[in-house]
Amino acid sequence: MLRFALGVCLIFGAIWPTIGTTQESEAVTFVLADLNGDGLEERFDLVAGIDGATNLVISNTGLSDILAPEIATTGLDAEPPLIEVLGDGQIRVTSHHDTNGAIRWTLGLTIGFPDGSYRVTGYTFIWWNPVALDEYGLCDLNLRTGTGVLQVGEGEAYAVDVVTPALPVTIWSTTDKVLPVDCL
């Protein structure tokens, strides 16, 4: 199981810093995707806010623009958040806190369009201690099904139940969420 966790961390560590970047290594600040299924691509823009927070603005929805406040953050000297279109057509916004502090982490929020609204449908949290290599964890939650997988250190990965539902992106940052303790 350690091999699984290390493999996942290595894959995410190697891939996530480059996902959503151009050849000039500039962070992508928007993507286009038809998430709502109307045949027209919406535009998903990451817009820098205050105090390291990043907002998501969804436009071209056929209605008014949608604001997802503080959907991502960045740590001191860390890379800015990234946005990408996943293979299944959903959107992932990734925050990095990987340059300072004893515990470093990366958080990926998957955004889908179930039930006719833009919602955070997935939550992937990876954390590690760069000094103590045996201190790490992986939390991958499917908020639509209420299930997930959690692994801490060399322990076995195990299934977890998730109480927090797939919340609308407009209230994600302001709503209290109940997540497994090692997923925060």
Foldseek 3Di string as FASTA:
>chain_A
DLCVLVVVCVVCVVPVQPPQADPVRDHHQWDWFPQLPPPGTWIWGWDDDPPFFIKIWIDPPVDDIAIQTRPEGEAVVGDRWHWDQDPVRWIKIKYWQADDDQKTKMKIFTWHQPPRAIWRQKIWMWMAGPVPRQFIKIWIDGQQVQKIWIDGGPDDIDMDGAPHHGGGSNCVVPDDGDDPPVRD
